[in-house]
Amino acid sequence: MKISARNQIKGKIVEIEQGAVNGIVKIDIGGGNIISASISMDSIKELDLKAGKEATAIIKASSVMVGVN
């Protein structure tokens, strides 16, 4: 599959929090870093996402906010 998004980060699914409509998929990308994505439960089922499965976080955004403490 080819896509236009340049920010593609491979990892392993470590947890899926299921909700009524959406779920939170947590992907371990290494170095103690976890990326979380909110996607529909239909997509979770269609992609057959499960903990332990390899996955790629694909990030496409028109803006990124940065904050400091």
N, C-alpha and C. Protein backbone atom coordinates (compact mmCIF):
# COMPACT_ATOMS: atom_id res chain seq x y z
N MET A 1 0.84 -1.17 0.00
CA MET A 1 0.00 0.00 0.00
C MET A 1 0.89 1.24 0.00
N LYS A 2 0.61 2.16 -0.88
CA LYS A 2 1.32 3.44 -0.91
C LYS A 2 0.36 4.52 -0.47
N ILE A 3 0.84 5.42 0.39
CA ILE A 3 0.04 6.55 0.86
C ILE A 3 0.90 7.80 0.85
N SER A 4 0.26 8.96 0.88
CA SER A 4 1.00 10.22 0.79
C SER A 4 1.57 10.68 2.12
N ALA A 5 1.06 10.20 3.23
CA ALA A 5 1.54 10.64 4.54
C ALA A 5 3.00 10.23 4.73
N ARG A 6 3.83 11.16 5.12
CA ARG A 6 5.26 10.88 5.31
C ARG A 6 5.56 10.35 6.71
N ASN A 7 4.73 10.64 7.67
CA ASN A 7 4.98 10.23 9.04
C ASN A 7 4.37 8.86 9.29
N GLN A 8 5.16 7.81 9.06
CA GLN A 8 4.73 6.44 9.25
C GLN A 8 5.67 5.80 10.26
N ILE A 9 5.11 5.36 11.39
CA ILE A 9 5.92 4.83 12.48
C ILE A 9 5.45 3.42 12.80
N LYS A 10 6.33 2.45 12.61
CA LYS A 10 5.98 1.06 12.85
C LYS A 10 6.12 0.72 14.33
N GLY A 11 5.26 -0.17 14.79
CA GLY A 11 5.31 -0.61 16.17
C GLY A 11 4.44 -1.82 16.39
N LYS A 12 4.14 -2.08 17.66
CA LYS A 12 3.33 -3.22 18.03
C LYS A 12 2.18 -2.75 18.92
N ILE A 13 0.99 -3.24 18.63
CA ILE A 13 -0.18 -2.89 19.44
C ILE A 13 -0.01 -3.50 20.82
N VAL A 14 -0.13 -2.66 21.85
CA VAL A 14 0.00 -3.15 23.22
C VAL A 14 -1.33 -3.17 23.96
N GLU A 15 -2.29 -2.39 23.49
CA GLU A 15 -3.59 -2.34 24.17
C GLU A 15 -4.65 -1.74 23.26
N ILE A 16 -5.87 -2.23 23.42
CA ILE A 16 -7.02 -1.64 22.74
C ILE A 16 -8.11 -1.43 23.78
N GLU A 17 -8.49 -0.16 23.98
CA GLU A 17 -9.58 0.17 24.90
C GLU A 17 -10.84 0.30 24.06
N GLN A 18 -11.76 -0.63 24.24
CA GLN A 18 -12.97 -0.65 23.44
C GLN A 18 -14.05 0.23 24.04
N GLY A 19 -14.71 0.99 23.18
CA GLY A 19 -15.84 1.81 23.59
C GLY A 19 -17.06 1.42 22.79
N ALA A 20 -18.14 2.14 22.97
CA ALA A 20 -19.38 1.84 22.26
C ALA A 20 -19.26 2.12 20.76
N VAL A 21 -18.60 3.23 20.41
CA VAL A 21 -18.48 3.63 19.00
C VAL A 21 -17.01 3.67 18.56
N ASN A 22 -16.15 4.23 19.39
CA ASN A 22 -14.72 4.36 19.09
C ASN A 22 -13.90 3.57 20.09
N GLY A 23 -12.67 3.27 19.69
CA GLY A 23 -11.73 2.61 20.58
C GLY A 23 -10.41 3.35 20.54
N ILE A 24 -9.59 3.14 21.57
CA ILE A 24 -8.25 3.72 21.62
C ILE A 24 -7.26 2.58 21.37
N VAL A 25 -6.46 2.73 20.31
CA VAL A 25 -5.44 1.74 19.98
C VAL A 25 -4.10 2.32 20.40
N LYS A 26 -3.38 1.57 21.25
CA LYS A 26 -2.07 2.03 21.73
C LYS A 26 -0.99 1.20 21.06
N ILE A 27 -0.04 1.91 20.41
CA ILE A 27 1.03 1.26 19.67
C ILE A 27 2.37 1.63 20.30
N ASP A 28 3.13 0.61 20.69
CA ASP A 28 4.47 0.80 21.24
C ASP A 28 5.43 0.98 20.07
N ILE A 29 6.06 2.16 20.00
CA ILE A 29 6.96 2.45 18.88
C ILE A 29 8.43 2.36 19.32
N GLY A 30 8.66 1.85 20.51
CA GLY A 30 10.02 1.67 21.01
C GLY A 30 10.48 2.82 21.88
N GLY A 31 11.54 2.57 22.62
CA GLY A 31 12.12 3.60 23.48
C GLY A 31 11.19 4.08 24.57
N GLY A 32 10.22 3.24 24.95
CA GLY A 32 9.27 3.63 25.98
C GLY A 32 8.19 4.57 25.49
N ASN A 33 8.05 4.72 24.18
CA ASN A 33 7.07 5.63 23.59
C ASN A 33 5.85 4.87 23.07
N ILE A 34 4.67 5.39 23.41
CA ILE A 34 3.41 4.82 22.97
C ILE A 34 2.65 5.89 22.20
N ILE A 35 2.13 5.52 21.03
CA ILE A 35 1.24 6.40 20.27
C ILE A 35 -0.17 5.86 20.43
N SER A 36 -1.11 6.74 20.76
CA SER A 36 -2.51 6.35 20.91
C SER A 36 -3.33 6.95 19.78
N ALA A 37 -4.25 6.16 19.25
CA ALA A 37 -5.12 6.63 18.17
C ALA A 37 -6.56 6.27 18.50
N SER A 38 -7.45 7.22 18.30
CA SER A 38 -8.87 6.97 18.47
C SER A 38 -9.46 6.66 17.10
N ILE A 39 -9.95 5.42 16.93
CA ILE A 39 -10.55 5.03 15.67
C ILE A 39 -11.86 4.31 15.95
N SER A 40 -12.67 4.14 14.93
CA SER A 40 -13.98 3.51 15.12
C SER A 40 -13.82 2.03 15.45
N MET A 41 -14.77 1.51 16.20
CA MET A 41 -14.78 0.09 16.52
C MET A 41 -14.93 -0.73 15.25
N ASP A 42 -15.67 -0.21 14.28
CA ASP A 42 -15.81 -0.90 12.99
C ASP A 42 -14.43 -1.07 12.34
N SER A 43 -13.60 -0.03 12.38
CA SER A 43 -12.26 -0.11 11.79
C SER A 43 -11.38 -1.10 12.55
N ILE A 44 -11.49 -1.10 13.87
CA ILE A 44 -10.72 -2.03 14.69
C ILE A 44 -11.07 -3.47 14.28
N LYS A 45 -12.34 -3.73 14.09
CA LYS A 45 -12.78 -5.08 13.70
C LYS A 45 -12.38 -5.41 12.27
N GLU A 46 -12.56 -4.46 11.34
CA GLU A 46 -12.23 -4.70 9.93
C GLU A 46 -10.73 -4.95 9.74
N LEU A 47 -9.89 -4.25 10.50
CA LEU A 47 -8.44 -4.42 10.41
C LEU A 47 -7.95 -5.58 11.27
N ASP A 48 -8.86 -6.18 12.02
CA ASP A 48 -8.53 -7.31 12.91
C ASP A 48 -7.39 -6.93 13.87
N LEU A 49 -7.51 -5.73 14.47
CA LEU A 49 -6.47 -5.27 15.38
C LEU A 49 -6.58 -6.01 16.71
N LYS A 50 -5.40 -6.43 17.21
CA LYS A 50 -5.31 -7.15 18.48
C LYS A 50 -3.97 -6.82 19.13
N ALA A 51 -3.93 -6.89 20.45
CA ALA A 51 -2.66 -6.69 21.16
C ALA A 51 -1.65 -7.72 20.66
N GLY A 52 -0.42 -7.27 20.44
CA GLY A 52 0.65 -8.14 19.97
C GLY A 52 0.85 -8.09 18.46
N LYS A 53 -0.11 -7.54 17.74
CA LYS A 53 -0.04 -7.46 16.28
C LYS A 53 0.79 -6.25 15.86
N GLU A 54 1.61 -6.43 14.82
CA GLU A 54 2.37 -5.31 14.26
C GLU A 54 1.41 -4.34 13.58
N ALA A 55 1.71 -3.04 13.70
CA ALA A 55 0.87 -2.01 13.09
C ALA A 55 1.73 -0.80 12.79
N THR A 56 1.21 0.07 11.95
CA THR A 56 1.90 1.31 11.62
C THR A 56 1.02 2.50 11.97
N ALA A 57 1.55 3.43 12.75
CA ALA A 57 0.85 4.68 13.05
C ALA A 57 1.15 5.62 11.87
N ILE A 58 0.11 6.11 11.24
CA ILE A 58 0.26 7.01 10.09
C ILE A 58 -0.31 8.36 10.50
N ILE A 59 0.55 9.37 10.50
CA ILE A 59 0.17 10.68 11.03
C ILE A 59 0.13 11.68 9.89
N LYS A 60 -1.03 12.27 9.69
CA LYS A 60 -1.21 13.30 8.66
C LYS A 60 -1.98 14.44 9.31
N ALA A 61 -1.33 15.57 9.46
CA ALA A 61 -1.97 16.69 10.14
C ALA A 61 -1.61 18.00 9.43
N SER A 62 -2.56 18.91 9.43
CA SER A 62 -2.29 20.20 8.82
C SER A 62 -1.58 21.14 9.78
N SER A 63 -1.63 20.83 11.08
CA SER A 63 -0.92 21.63 12.06
C SER A 63 -0.51 20.78 13.25
N VAL A 64 0.57 21.15 13.87
CA VAL A 64 1.05 20.46 15.06
C VAL A 64 1.27 21.51 16.13
N MET A 65 0.75 21.26 17.33
CA MET A 65 0.93 22.19 18.44
C MET A 65 2.04 21.67 19.35
N VAL A 66 2.83 22.59 19.89
CA VAL A 66 3.91 22.24 20.80
C VAL A 66 3.74 23.07 22.06
N GLY A 67 3.91 22.42 23.22
CA GLY A 67 3.82 23.13 24.49
C GLY A 67 4.99 22.77 25.39
N VAL A 68 5.28 23.63 26.32
CA VAL A 68 6.34 23.37 27.30
C VAL A 68 5.80 23.66 28.68
N ASN A 69 6.42 23.08 29.69
CA ASN A 69 6.03 23.33 31.09
C ASN A 69 6.76 24.52 31.65
